């Protein structure tokens, strides 16, 4: 079987699995259901995927990669500063409606965080997920806007984990893309920036902003 034929077969299995998950739910879908929907044998299924978790991981990564590509495109007109543009991408990811339906189904279940952790442990899936971000990160590192002593892989993992975490617990003081961007600049981007000397006033000011934001969160209605 050629590589192209193998990918077509994978796509057929993924499409069948998406139908089954939508009809039967994530927990209710068995391998047998996917076999019947796709019209394939068990041996064919296991040549391409280890289990239903592998299917869910691939569907999640594909959908997240497509969402990230859209966010990267949207950031081109919004920001010219390299660091702010990355922050804008994460903000767009957080604020953007979840699509396609399979990703919404996963996000609404208790599976998203578990699958995210599994994806982070898979180099193959992390390469797929990082694809839209790579040009931005590589350019920012080359120009000194981001740290040169941290690998691109670690940066992708940091940004991806934080986008998932923020979506699951939205800060009560942020509701627009611009507000999410400021949140990302304040809390997510600093570990990726080159070390620069700060005077004590700048440190105190930053701690004051963080304390004010945390106080707002504690007093916000749930």
N, C-alpha and C. Protein backbone atom coordinates (compact mmCIF):
# COMPACT_ATOMS: atom_id res chain seq x y z
N UNK A 1 0.85 -1.19 0.00
CA UNK A 1 0.00 0.00 0.00
C UNK A 1 0.88 1.25 0.00
N UNK A 2 0.61 2.18 -0.90
CA UNK A 2 1.39 3.41 -0.97
C UNK A 2 1.08 4.31 0.22
N UNK A 3 1.96 5.29 0.44
CA UNK A 3 1.74 6.24 1.54
C UNK A 3 0.44 7.01 1.34
N UNK A 4 0.16 7.36 0.08
CA UNK A 4 -1.07 8.10 -0.21
C UNK A 4 -2.30 7.26 0.09
N UNK A 5 -2.25 5.98 -0.29
CA UNK A 5 -3.38 5.08 -0.02
C UNK A 5 -3.56 4.88 1.49
N UNK A 6 -2.44 4.82 2.21
CA UNK A 6 -2.51 4.65 3.67
C UNK A 6 -3.19 5.86 4.31
N UNK A 7 -2.85 7.07 3.86
CA UNK A 7 -3.46 8.28 4.40
C UNK A 7 -4.95 8.34 4.07
N UNK A 8 -5.30 7.91 2.87
CA UNK A 8 -6.72 7.89 2.49
C UNK A 8 -7.50 6.91 3.38
N UNK A 9 -6.89 5.77 3.67
CA UNK A 9 -7.54 4.80 4.56
C UNK A 9 -7.69 5.38 5.97
N UNK A 10 -6.65 6.07 6.45
CA UNK A 10 -6.74 6.71 7.76
C UNK A 10 -7.87 7.74 7.79
N UNK A 11 -7.96 8.52 6.71
CA UNK A 11 -9.01 9.54 6.65
C UNK A 11 -10.40 8.90 6.68
N UNK A 12 -10.52 7.76 6.01
CA UNK A 12 -11.80 7.05 6.01
C UNK A 12 -12.16 6.57 7.41
N UNK A 13 -11.18 6.05 8.14
CA UNK A 13 -11.42 5.58 9.51
C UNK A 13 -11.76 6.75 10.41
N UNK A 14 -11.05 7.87 10.26
CA UNK A 14 -11.31 9.05 11.09
C UNK A 14 -12.70 9.62 10.83
N UNK A 15 -13.11 9.64 9.56
CA UNK A 15 -14.44 10.13 9.22
C UNK A 15 -15.52 9.23 9.83
N UNK A 16 -15.31 7.94 9.76
CA UNK A 16 -16.27 6.99 10.34
C UNK A 16 -16.32 7.15 11.85
N UNK A 17 -15.16 7.33 12.47
CA UNK A 17 -15.11 7.51 13.92
C UNK A 17 -15.84 8.78 14.34
N UNK A 18 -15.69 9.85 13.57
CA UNK A 18 -16.38 11.09 13.88
C UNK A 18 -17.89 10.90 13.88
N UNK A 19 -18.39 10.13 12.92
CA UNK A 19 -19.84 9.84 12.85
C UNK A 19 -20.26 9.07 14.10
N UNK A 20 -19.48 8.08 14.45
CA UNK A 20 -19.82 7.25 15.63
C UNK A 20 -19.77 8.05 16.92
N UNK A 21 -18.75 8.89 17.08
CA UNK A 21 -18.66 9.70 18.30
C UNK A 21 -19.84 10.65 18.41
N UNK A 22 -20.26 11.22 17.27
CA UNK A 22 -21.40 12.15 17.30
C UNK A 22 -22.69 11.41 17.64
N UNK A 23 -22.81 10.18 17.17
CA UNK A 23 -24.05 9.42 17.37
C UNK A 23 -24.09 8.71 18.72
N UNK A 24 -22.95 8.17 19.14
CA UNK A 24 -22.92 7.30 20.32
C UNK A 24 -22.22 7.93 21.52
N UNK A 25 -21.54 9.05 21.31
CA UNK A 25 -20.78 9.68 22.38
C UNK A 25 -19.37 9.13 22.46
N UNK A 26 -18.50 9.85 23.17
CA UNK A 26 -17.10 9.44 23.26
C UNK A 26 -16.94 8.14 24.03
N UNK A 27 -17.67 8.00 25.13
CA UNK A 27 -17.56 6.80 25.95
C UNK A 27 -18.33 5.63 25.36
N UNK A 28 -19.37 5.93 24.58
CA UNK A 28 -20.22 4.85 24.05
C UNK A 28 -19.72 4.23 22.76
N UNK A 29 -18.73 4.83 22.13
CA UNK A 29 -18.22 4.32 20.85
C UNK A 29 -17.18 3.23 21.07
N UNK A 30 -17.39 2.09 20.43
CA UNK A 30 -16.44 0.98 20.50
C UNK A 30 -15.73 0.84 19.16
N UNK A 31 -14.64 0.12 19.16
CA UNK A 31 -13.92 -0.14 17.91
C UNK A 31 -14.86 -0.82 16.92
N UNK A 32 -15.71 -1.73 17.40
CA UNK A 32 -16.64 -2.44 16.51
C UNK A 32 -17.56 -1.48 15.77
N UNK A 33 -17.99 -0.41 16.44
CA UNK A 33 -18.86 0.57 15.81
C UNK A 33 -18.15 1.27 14.65
N UNK A 34 -16.88 1.59 14.87
CA UNK A 34 -16.09 2.27 13.83
C UNK A 34 -15.85 1.32 12.65
N UNK A 35 -15.59 0.04 12.95
CA UNK A 35 -15.38 -0.95 11.89
C UNK A 35 -16.62 -1.03 10.99
N UNK A 36 -17.78 -1.09 11.62
CA UNK A 36 -19.02 -1.21 10.87
C UNK A 36 -19.28 0.03 10.03
N UNK A 37 -19.06 1.20 10.62
CA UNK A 37 -19.30 2.47 9.91
C UNK A 37 -18.35 2.64 8.74
N UNK A 38 -17.09 2.24 8.93
CA UNK A 38 -16.08 2.41 7.88
C UNK A 38 -16.08 1.27 6.87
N UNK A 39 -16.70 0.14 7.24
CA UNK A 39 -16.71 -1.02 6.36
C UNK A 39 -15.34 -1.64 6.20
N UNK A 40 -14.61 -1.76 7.31
CA UNK A 40 -13.27 -2.31 7.26
C UNK A 40 -13.15 -3.45 8.27
N UNK A 41 -12.07 -4.20 8.17
CA UNK A 41 -11.83 -5.30 9.10
C UNK A 41 -11.10 -4.79 10.33
N UNK A 42 -11.13 -5.61 11.38
CA UNK A 42 -10.41 -5.25 12.61
C UNK A 42 -8.90 -5.14 12.32
N UNK A 43 -8.38 -6.05 11.50
CA UNK A 43 -6.95 -6.02 11.18
C UNK A 43 -6.57 -4.71 10.49
N UNK A 44 -7.43 -4.24 9.59
CA UNK A 44 -7.16 -2.97 8.91
C UNK A 44 -7.14 -1.81 9.90
N UNK A 45 -8.10 -1.81 10.83
CA UNK A 45 -8.15 -0.74 11.83
C UNK A 45 -6.84 -0.70 12.63
N UNK A 46 -6.42 -1.86 13.14
CA UNK A 46 -5.25 -1.88 14.02
C UNK A 46 -3.93 -1.70 13.26
N UNK A 47 -3.96 -1.76 11.95
CA UNK A 47 -2.77 -1.41 11.18
C UNK A 47 -2.54 0.10 11.21
N UNK A 48 -3.60 0.86 11.48
CA UNK A 48 -3.50 2.32 11.43
C UNK A 48 -3.62 2.99 12.79
N UNK A 49 -4.41 2.40 13.70
CA UNK A 49 -4.64 3.02 15.00
C UNK A 49 -4.61 1.96 16.09
N UNK A 50 -4.05 2.37 17.24
CA UNK A 50 -3.91 1.42 18.35
C UNK A 50 -5.23 1.19 19.07
N UNK A 51 -6.04 2.24 19.21
CA UNK A 51 -7.30 2.16 19.94
C UNK A 51 -8.11 3.42 19.67
N UNK A 52 -9.25 3.58 20.36
CA UNK A 52 -10.07 4.77 20.15
C UNK A 52 -9.39 6.03 20.69
N UNK A 53 -8.52 5.90 21.69
CA UNK A 53 -7.77 7.06 22.16
C UNK A 53 -6.89 7.63 21.05
N UNK A 54 -6.28 6.75 20.28
CA UNK A 54 -5.43 7.20 19.16
C UNK A 54 -6.27 7.96 18.14
N UNK A 55 -7.49 7.49 17.91
CA UNK A 55 -8.41 8.19 17.00
C UNK A 55 -8.73 9.58 17.55
N UNK A 56 -9.10 9.65 18.82
CA UNK A 56 -9.46 10.92 19.43
C UNK A 56 -8.29 11.90 19.42
N UNK A 57 -7.09 11.38 19.68
CA UNK A 57 -5.92 12.25 19.65
C UNK A 57 -5.70 12.84 18.27
N UNK A 58 -5.81 12.01 17.25
CA UNK A 58 -5.59 12.50 15.88
C UNK A 58 -6.66 13.51 15.49
N UNK A 59 -7.92 13.24 15.84
CA UNK A 59 -9.00 14.18 15.52
C UNK A 59 -8.80 15.50 16.26
N UNK A 60 -8.39 15.42 17.53
CA UNK A 60 -8.15 16.63 18.32
C UNK A 60 -7.03 17.46 17.73
N UNK A 61 -5.92 16.81 17.39
CA UNK A 61 -4.76 17.52 16.85
C UNK A 61 -5.09 18.16 15.51
N UNK A 62 -5.78 17.43 14.66
CA UNK A 62 -6.15 18.00 13.36
C UNK A 62 -7.00 19.25 13.52
N UNK A 63 -8.01 19.16 14.38
CA UNK A 63 -8.92 20.29 14.58
C UNK A 63 -8.19 21.46 15.23
N UNK A 64 -7.36 21.18 16.25
CA UNK A 64 -6.62 22.24 16.93
C UNK A 64 -5.61 22.89 15.98
N UNK A 65 -4.97 22.10 15.14
CA UNK A 65 -4.02 22.65 14.16
C UNK A 65 -4.73 23.59 13.19
N UNK A 66 -5.91 23.19 12.73
CA UNK A 66 -6.67 24.05 11.80
C UNK A 66 -7.10 25.34 12.48
N UNK A 67 -7.54 25.24 13.76
CA UNK A 67 -7.91 26.44 14.51
C UNK A 67 -6.70 27.36 14.69
N UNK A 68 -5.54 26.76 14.97
CA UNK A 68 -4.34 27.55 15.17
C UNK A 68 -3.91 28.24 13.88
N UNK A 69 -4.06 27.55 12.74
CA UNK A 69 -3.71 28.14 11.46
C UNK A 69 -4.59 29.37 11.18
N UNK A 70 -5.88 29.27 11.53
CA UNK A 70 -6.78 30.41 11.36
C UNK A 70 -6.38 31.55 12.29
N UNK A 71 -6.00 31.20 13.52
CA UNK A 71 -5.58 32.23 14.48
C UNK A 71 -4.30 32.92 14.02
N UNK A 72 -3.37 32.17 13.45
CA UNK A 72 -2.13 32.75 12.92
C UNK A 72 -2.45 33.72 11.79
N UNK A 73 -3.36 33.33 10.90
CA UNK A 73 -3.75 34.21 9.79
C UNK A 73 -4.40 35.49 10.31
N UNK A 74 -5.26 35.34 11.33
CA UNK A 74 -5.95 36.51 11.89
C UNK A 74 -4.98 37.46 12.57
N UNK A 75 -3.86 36.93 13.09
CA UNK A 75 -2.91 37.76 13.83
C UNK A 75 -2.06 38.64 12.92
N UNK A 76 -2.01 38.32 11.63
CA UNK A 76 -1.14 39.06 10.71
C UNK A 76 -1.52 40.53 10.67
N UNK A 77 -2.84 40.81 10.55
CA UNK A 77 -3.30 42.19 10.46
C UNK A 77 -3.37 42.87 11.82
N UNK A 78 -3.50 42.06 12.88
CA UNK A 78 -3.72 42.64 14.21
C UNK A 78 -2.44 43.14 14.86
N UNK A 79 -1.33 42.44 14.66
CA UNK A 79 -0.10 42.78 15.38
C UNK A 79 1.12 42.70 14.47
N UNK A 80 2.07 43.61 14.68
CA UNK A 80 3.34 43.55 13.95
C UNK A 80 4.47 43.11 14.88
N UNK A 81 4.38 43.46 16.18
CA UNK A 81 5.37 43.03 17.16
C UNK A 81 5.35 41.50 17.27
N UNK A 82 6.52 40.89 17.23
CA UNK A 82 6.60 39.43 17.16
C UNK A 82 6.03 38.75 18.40
N UNK A 83 6.35 39.27 19.57
CA UNK A 83 5.86 38.66 20.81
C UNK A 83 4.36 38.87 20.94
N UNK A 84 3.90 40.07 20.65
CA UNK A 84 2.47 40.35 20.73
C UNK A 84 1.68 39.54 19.70
N UNK A 85 2.29 39.28 18.57
CA UNK A 85 1.59 38.47 17.57
C UNK A 85 1.38 37.05 18.07
N UNK A 86 2.38 36.49 18.75
CA UNK A 86 2.21 35.16 19.35
C UNK A 86 1.13 35.18 20.43
N UNK A 87 1.14 36.24 21.24
CA UNK A 87 0.11 36.38 22.27
C UNK A 87 -1.27 36.48 21.62
N UNK A 88 -1.33 37.18 20.50
CA UNK A 88 -2.61 37.32 19.79
C UNK A 88 -3.10 35.97 19.27
N UNK A 89 -2.18 35.14 18.80
CA UNK A 89 -2.56 33.80 18.31
C UNK A 89 -3.23 33.01 19.44
N UNK A 90 -2.60 33.00 20.62
CA UNK A 90 -3.17 32.26 21.75
C UNK A 90 -4.51 32.86 22.15
N UNK A 91 -4.60 34.20 22.15
CA UNK A 91 -5.87 34.86 22.50
C UNK A 91 -6.96 34.49 21.51
N UNK A 92 -6.61 34.44 20.24
CA UNK A 92 -7.59 34.04 19.20
C UNK A 92 -8.04 32.60 19.42
N UNK A 93 -7.09 31.73 19.80
CA UNK A 93 -7.43 30.34 20.06
C UNK A 93 -8.41 30.22 21.22
N UNK A 94 -8.21 31.04 22.25
CA UNK A 94 -9.08 30.99 23.43
C UNK A 94 -10.47 31.52 23.11
N UNK A 95 -10.52 32.62 22.36
CA UNK A 95 -11.79 33.30 22.10
C UNK A 95 -12.59 32.70 20.96
N UNK A 96 -11.92 31.97 20.08
CA UNK A 96 -12.58 31.46 18.88
C UNK A 96 -13.57 30.34 19.22
N UNK A 97 -14.77 30.34 18.61
CA UNK A 97 -15.71 29.23 18.83
C UNK A 97 -15.07 27.91 18.43
N UNK A 98 -15.36 26.87 19.19
CA UNK A 98 -14.75 25.56 18.92
C UNK A 98 -15.42 24.92 17.72
N UNK A 99 -14.63 24.54 16.77
CA UNK A 99 -15.11 23.91 15.55
C UNK A 99 -13.97 23.03 15.03
N UNK A 100 -14.21 21.89 14.41
CA UNK A 100 -15.48 21.30 14.00
C UNK A 100 -16.23 20.65 15.16
N UNK A 101 -17.41 20.06 14.89
CA UNK A 101 -18.23 19.50 15.96
C UNK A 101 -17.52 18.47 16.83
N UNK A 102 -16.62 17.67 16.24
CA UNK A 102 -15.94 16.65 17.04
C UNK A 102 -15.09 17.30 18.13
N UNK A 103 -14.46 18.45 17.84
CA UNK A 103 -13.66 19.12 18.85
C UNK A 103 -14.55 19.71 19.94
N UNK A 104 -15.70 20.23 19.54
CA UNK A 104 -16.65 20.74 20.54
C UNK A 104 -17.12 19.60 21.44
N UNK A 105 -17.36 18.43 20.84
CA UNK A 105 -17.80 17.26 21.61
C UNK A 105 -16.73 16.87 22.63
N UNK A 106 -15.47 16.89 22.22
CA UNK A 106 -14.38 16.54 23.11
C UNK A 106 -14.22 17.60 24.21
N UNK A 107 -14.32 18.87 23.81
CA UNK A 107 -14.14 19.96 24.76
C UNK A 107 -15.22 19.97 25.83
N UNK A 108 -16.44 19.57 25.46
CA UNK A 108 -17.55 19.57 26.40
C UNK A 108 -17.54 18.35 27.32
N UNK A 109 -16.69 17.39 27.02
CA UNK A 109 -16.61 16.18 27.83
C UNK A 109 -15.52 16.35 28.89
N UNK A 110 -15.27 15.29 29.61
CA UNK A 110 -14.19 15.30 30.60
C UNK A 110 -12.88 14.79 30.00
N UNK A 111 -12.85 14.65 28.68
CA UNK A 111 -11.71 14.01 28.03
C UNK A 111 -10.62 14.98 27.57
N UNK A 112 -10.94 16.28 27.48
CA UNK A 112 -10.03 17.22 26.83
C UNK A 112 -8.67 17.29 27.51
N UNK A 113 -8.66 17.45 28.83
CA UNK A 113 -7.39 17.57 29.53
C UNK A 113 -6.58 16.28 29.46
N UNK A 114 -7.26 15.14 29.58
CA UNK A 114 -6.56 13.86 29.49
C UNK A 114 -5.93 13.69 28.11
N UNK A 115 -6.71 14.00 27.07
CA UNK A 115 -6.19 13.87 25.70
C UNK A 115 -5.06 14.87 25.46
N UNK A 116 -5.19 16.08 26.02
CA UNK A 116 -4.13 17.07 25.85
C UNK A 116 -2.82 16.55 26.42
N UNK A 117 -2.88 15.91 27.59
CA UNK A 117 -1.67 15.36 28.20
C UNK A 117 -1.08 14.24 27.35
N UNK A 118 -1.95 13.40 26.79
CA UNK A 118 -1.46 12.33 25.92
C UNK A 118 -0.80 12.90 24.67
N UNK A 119 -1.40 13.95 24.13
CA UNK A 119 -0.85 14.58 22.92
C UNK A 119 0.53 15.16 23.20
N UNK A 120 0.69 15.79 24.38
CA UNK A 120 1.99 16.38 24.73
C UNK A 120 3.09 15.34 24.81
N UNK A 121 2.72 14.10 25.08
CA UNK A 121 3.70 13.02 25.19
C UNK A 121 4.01 12.37 23.84
N UNK A 122 3.30 12.77 22.80
CA UNK A 122 3.48 12.18 21.47
C UNK A 122 4.22 13.15 20.57
N UNK A 123 5.45 12.80 20.20
CA UNK A 123 6.23 13.69 19.33
C UNK A 123 5.57 13.86 17.97
N UNK A 124 4.95 12.80 17.47
CA UNK A 124 4.29 12.87 16.16
C UNK A 124 3.15 13.90 16.19
N UNK A 125 2.33 13.86 17.24
CA UNK A 125 1.21 14.79 17.32
C UNK A 125 1.68 16.21 17.62
N UNK A 126 2.74 16.36 18.40
CA UNK A 126 3.24 17.70 18.69
C UNK A 126 3.81 18.36 17.43
N UNK A 127 4.43 17.57 16.56
CA UNK A 127 4.94 18.10 15.29
C UNK A 127 3.77 18.62 14.44
N UNK A 128 2.69 17.84 14.39
CA UNK A 128 1.50 18.26 13.64
C UNK A 128 0.92 19.54 14.23
N UNK A 129 0.81 19.58 15.54
CA UNK A 129 0.19 20.72 16.22
C UNK A 129 1.03 21.98 16.07
N UNK A 130 2.35 21.81 16.05
CA UNK A 130 3.26 22.97 16.01
C UNK A 130 3.36 23.61 14.64
N UNK A 131 2.95 22.91 13.62
CA UNK A 131 3.19 23.36 12.25
C UNK A 131 2.81 24.83 11.99
N UNK A 132 1.61 25.29 12.37
CA UNK A 132 1.27 26.69 12.07
C UNK A 132 2.09 27.71 12.85
N UNK A 133 2.59 27.31 14.04
CA UNK A 133 3.33 28.24 14.89
C UNK A 133 4.82 28.32 14.56
N UNK A 134 5.34 27.30 13.90
CA UNK A 134 6.79 27.22 13.70
C UNK A 134 7.39 28.45 13.05
N UNK A 135 6.84 28.96 11.93
CA UNK A 135 7.46 30.14 11.31
C UNK A 135 7.52 31.34 12.25
N UNK A 136 6.46 31.56 13.03
CA UNK A 136 6.45 32.68 13.97
C UNK A 136 7.50 32.51 15.06
N UNK A 137 7.57 31.32 15.63
CA UNK A 137 8.52 31.06 16.71
C UNK A 137 9.96 31.14 16.21
N UNK A 138 10.24 30.53 15.09
CA UNK A 138 11.60 30.52 14.55
C UNK A 138 12.06 31.94 14.22
N UNK A 139 11.16 32.75 13.65
CA UNK A 139 11.50 34.13 13.32
C UNK A 139 11.75 34.94 14.58
N UNK A 140 10.90 34.74 15.60
CA UNK A 140 11.06 35.49 16.85
C UNK A 140 12.36 35.12 17.57
N UNK A 141 12.72 33.84 17.55
CA UNK A 141 13.98 33.41 18.17
C UNK A 141 15.17 33.99 17.40
N UNK A 142 15.11 33.91 16.07
CA UNK A 142 16.21 34.40 15.24
C UNK A 142 16.44 35.90 15.43
N UNK A 143 15.37 36.64 15.73
CA UNK A 143 15.48 38.08 15.89
C UNK A 143 15.69 38.51 17.34
N UNK A 144 15.82 37.52 18.23
CA UNK A 144 16.10 37.84 19.63
C UNK A 144 14.88 38.25 20.43
N UNK A 145 13.67 38.14 19.85
CA UNK A 145 12.47 38.50 20.59
C UNK A 145 12.09 37.43 21.60
N UNK A 146 12.50 36.18 21.34
CA UNK A 146 12.27 35.08 22.28
C UNK A 146 13.61 34.45 22.67
N UNK A 147 13.60 33.71 23.74
CA UNK A 147 14.81 33.08 24.26
C UNK A 147 15.46 32.17 23.24
N UNK A 148 16.77 32.20 23.20
CA UNK A 148 17.49 31.30 22.32
C UNK A 148 17.92 30.02 23.01
N UNK A 149 17.76 29.97 24.35
CA UNK A 149 18.19 28.80 25.10
C UNK A 149 17.04 27.84 25.41
N UNK A 150 15.88 28.08 24.84
CA UNK A 150 14.74 27.18 25.01
C UNK A 150 14.36 26.61 23.65
N UNK A 151 14.12 25.30 23.58
CA UNK A 151 13.80 24.68 22.31
C UNK A 151 12.41 25.13 21.82
N UNK A 152 12.26 25.10 20.51
CA UNK A 152 10.95 25.44 19.92
C UNK A 152 9.88 24.48 20.42
N UNK A 153 10.26 23.20 20.58
CA UNK A 153 9.30 22.20 21.07
C UNK A 153 8.75 22.58 22.45
N UNK A 154 9.65 23.03 23.34
CA UNK A 154 9.21 23.42 24.68
C UNK A 154 8.30 24.64 24.61
N UNK A 155 8.61 25.57 23.71
CA UNK A 155 7.77 26.76 23.54
C UNK A 155 6.37 26.39 23.06
N UNK A 156 6.32 25.48 22.08
CA UNK A 156 5.02 25.03 21.57
C UNK A 156 4.23 24.36 22.68
N UNK A 157 4.89 23.51 23.47
CA UNK A 157 4.19 22.83 24.57
C UNK A 157 3.66 23.84 25.58
N UNK A 158 4.48 24.84 25.93
CA UNK A 158 4.07 25.85 26.90
C UNK A 158 2.84 26.62 26.39
N UNK A 159 2.90 27.06 25.15
CA UNK A 159 1.79 27.85 24.59
C UNK A 159 0.53 27.01 24.44
N UNK A 160 0.69 25.76 24.03
CA UNK A 160 -0.48 24.89 23.84
C UNK A 160 -1.14 24.57 25.17
N UNK A 161 -0.33 24.22 26.16
CA UNK A 161 -0.88 23.91 27.49
C UNK A 161 -1.64 25.11 28.05
N UNK A 162 -1.07 26.29 27.89
CA UNK A 162 -1.71 27.48 28.44
C UNK A 162 -2.98 27.86 27.70
N UNK A 163 -3.00 27.67 26.39
CA UNK A 163 -4.24 27.98 25.65
C UNK A 163 -5.36 27.06 26.11
N UNK A 164 -5.04 25.79 26.35
CA UNK A 164 -6.04 24.84 26.86
C UNK A 164 -6.49 25.22 28.26
N UNK A 165 -5.53 25.57 29.12
CA UNK A 165 -5.86 25.92 30.50
C UNK A 165 -6.72 27.18 30.58
N UNK A 166 -6.38 28.19 29.78
CA UNK A 166 -7.14 29.44 29.81
C UNK A 166 -8.56 29.21 29.32
N UNK A 167 -8.72 28.38 28.28
CA UNK A 167 -10.06 28.11 27.76
C UNK A 167 -10.91 27.40 28.81
N UNK A 168 -10.28 26.55 29.60
CA UNK A 168 -11.03 25.81 30.60
C UNK A 168 -11.36 26.65 31.83
N UNK A 169 -10.54 27.67 32.09
CA UNK A 169 -10.83 28.55 33.22
C UNK A 169 -10.60 29.99 32.77
N UNK A 170 -11.60 30.55 32.12
CA UNK A 170 -11.47 31.89 31.57
C UNK A 170 -11.33 32.90 32.70
N UNK A 171 -10.36 33.82 32.59
CA UNK A 171 -10.24 34.86 33.61
C UNK A 171 -11.47 35.77 33.58
N UNK A 172 -12.06 36.07 34.73
CA UNK A 172 -13.32 36.83 34.75
C UNK A 172 -13.19 38.25 34.25
N UNK A 173 -11.96 38.79 34.23
CA UNK A 173 -11.77 40.17 33.78
C UNK A 173 -11.52 40.25 32.27
N UNK A 174 -11.53 39.12 31.56
CA UNK A 174 -11.26 39.12 30.13
C UNK A 174 -12.40 38.46 29.37
N UNK A 175 -12.87 39.13 28.31
CA UNK A 175 -13.94 38.54 27.51
C UNK A 175 -13.75 38.79 26.02
N UNK A 176 -12.84 39.69 25.65
CA UNK A 176 -12.58 39.98 24.24
C UNK A 176 -11.19 39.47 23.86
N UNK A 177 -10.94 39.38 22.56
CA UNK A 177 -9.63 38.92 22.09
C UNK A 177 -8.52 39.83 22.62
N UNK A 178 -8.75 41.14 22.59
CA UNK A 178 -7.73 42.09 23.07
C UNK A 178 -7.45 41.90 24.55
N UNK A 179 -8.50 41.63 25.35
CA UNK A 179 -8.30 41.41 26.79
C UNK A 179 -7.57 40.10 27.04
N UNK A 180 -7.89 39.06 26.27
CA UNK A 180 -7.16 37.80 26.39
C UNK A 180 -5.70 37.99 25.99
N UNK A 181 -5.47 38.82 24.98
CA UNK A 181 -4.10 39.08 24.55
C UNK A 181 -3.28 39.71 25.67
N UNK A 182 -3.88 40.67 26.38
CA UNK A 182 -3.18 41.29 27.50
C UNK A 182 -2.92 40.28 28.61
N UNK A 183 -3.87 39.40 28.85
CA UNK A 183 -3.69 38.34 29.85
C UNK A 183 -2.51 37.44 29.46
N UNK A 184 -2.46 37.04 28.19
CA UNK A 184 -1.37 36.17 27.71
C UNK A 184 -0.03 36.90 27.82
N UNK A 185 0.00 38.18 27.47
CA UNK A 185 1.24 38.95 27.59
C UNK A 185 1.72 39.00 29.03
N UNK A 186 0.78 39.11 29.97
CA UNK A 186 1.13 39.26 31.39
C UNK A 186 1.57 37.96 32.03
N UNK A 187 0.86 36.86 31.69
CA UNK A 187 1.05 35.61 32.44
C UNK A 187 1.71 34.48 31.65
N UNK A 188 1.60 34.49 30.32
CA UNK A 188 2.07 33.35 29.53
C UNK A 188 3.40 33.63 28.83
N UNK A 189 3.58 34.81 28.27
CA UNK A 189 4.75 35.09 27.46
C UNK A 189 6.04 35.31 28.25
N UNK A 190 6.02 35.85 29.48
CA UNK A 190 7.30 36.16 30.16
C UNK A 190 8.32 35.03 30.21
N UNK A 191 7.93 33.75 30.48
CA UNK A 191 8.97 32.70 30.52
C UNK A 191 9.66 32.45 29.17
N UNK A 192 9.07 32.95 28.08
CA UNK A 192 9.65 32.73 26.76
C UNK A 192 10.56 33.89 26.33
N UNK A 193 10.57 34.96 27.11
CA UNK A 193 11.31 36.16 26.73
C UNK A 193 12.75 36.10 27.22
N UNK A 194 13.66 36.71 26.48
CA UNK A 194 15.06 36.77 26.96
C UNK A 194 15.12 37.51 28.30
N UNK A 195 16.04 37.08 29.14
CA UNK A 195 16.20 37.72 30.45
C UNK A 195 16.71 39.14 30.26
N UNK A 196 16.03 40.07 30.88
CA UNK A 196 16.45 41.48 30.85
C UNK A 196 16.48 42.01 32.27
N UNK A 197 17.45 42.83 32.59
CA UNK A 197 17.50 43.38 33.96
C UNK A 197 16.28 44.26 34.22
N UNK A 198 15.67 44.09 35.39
CA UNK A 198 14.52 44.89 35.78
C UNK A 198 14.85 45.66 37.04
N UNK A 199 14.44 46.92 37.07
CA UNK A 199 14.64 47.64 38.33
C UNK A 199 13.54 47.24 39.30
N UNK A 200 13.73 47.56 40.54
CA UNK A 200 12.82 47.10 41.58
C UNK A 200 11.42 47.69 41.39
N UNK A 201 11.32 48.88 40.83
CA UNK A 201 10.02 49.50 40.61
C UNK A 201 9.21 48.69 39.59
N UNK A 202 9.88 48.22 38.54
CA UNK A 202 9.18 47.44 37.52
C UNK A 202 8.66 46.14 38.12
N UNK A 203 9.48 45.51 38.98
CA UNK A 203 9.06 44.26 39.63
C UNK A 203 7.86 44.51 40.53
N UNK A 204 7.92 45.56 41.32
CA UNK A 204 6.81 45.88 42.23
C UNK A 204 5.54 46.18 41.44
N UNK A 205 5.68 46.92 40.35
CA UNK A 205 4.51 47.25 39.53
C UNK A 205 3.88 45.99 38.96
N UNK A 206 4.72 45.06 38.48
CA UNK A 206 4.19 43.82 37.91
C UNK A 206 3.49 42.99 38.98
N UNK A 207 4.09 42.88 40.16
CA UNK A 207 3.45 42.13 41.25
C UNK A 207 2.12 42.78 41.64
N UNK A 208 2.07 44.11 41.61
CA UNK A 208 0.82 44.80 41.93
C UNK A 208 -0.27 44.49 40.93
N UNK A 209 0.10 44.43 39.65
CA UNK A 209 -0.90 44.09 38.62
C UNK A 209 -1.41 42.67 38.80
N UNK A 210 -0.50 41.75 39.09
CA UNK A 210 -0.90 40.36 39.29
C UNK A 210 -1.83 40.24 40.50
N UNK A 211 -1.47 40.92 41.60
CA UNK A 211 -2.30 40.87 42.80
C UNK A 211 -3.69 41.43 42.53
N UNK A 212 -3.78 42.51 41.75
CA UNK A 212 -5.07 43.11 41.43
C UNK A 212 -5.92 42.16 40.59
N UNK A 213 -5.29 41.49 39.65
CA UNK A 213 -6.02 40.55 38.81
C UNK A 213 -6.53 39.36 39.62
N UNK A 214 -5.69 38.85 40.50
CA UNK A 214 -6.10 37.72 41.34
C UNK A 214 -7.22 38.13 42.31
N UNK A 215 -7.16 39.36 42.80
CA UNK A 215 -8.22 39.84 43.70
C UNK A 215 -9.55 39.94 42.94
N UNK A 216 -9.47 40.37 41.67
CA UNK A 216 -10.66 40.45 40.83
C UNK A 216 -11.25 39.07 40.62
N UNK A 217 -10.38 38.07 40.40
CA UNK A 217 -10.86 36.71 40.19
C UNK A 217 -11.54 36.16 41.43
N UNK A 218 -10.96 36.44 42.60
CA UNK A 218 -11.53 35.90 43.84
C UNK A 218 -12.90 36.50 44.13
N UNK A 219 -13.11 37.75 43.74
CA UNK A 219 -14.38 38.41 44.05
C UNK A 219 -15.40 38.32 42.93
N UNK A 220 -14.99 37.77 41.76
CA UNK A 220 -15.92 37.67 40.63
C UNK A 220 -16.99 36.63 40.92
N UNK A 221 -18.25 36.88 40.52
CA UNK A 221 -19.31 35.88 40.74
C UNK A 221 -19.06 34.64 39.92
N UNK A 222 -19.40 33.48 40.47
CA UNK A 222 -19.19 32.20 39.77
C UNK A 222 -20.50 31.75 39.14
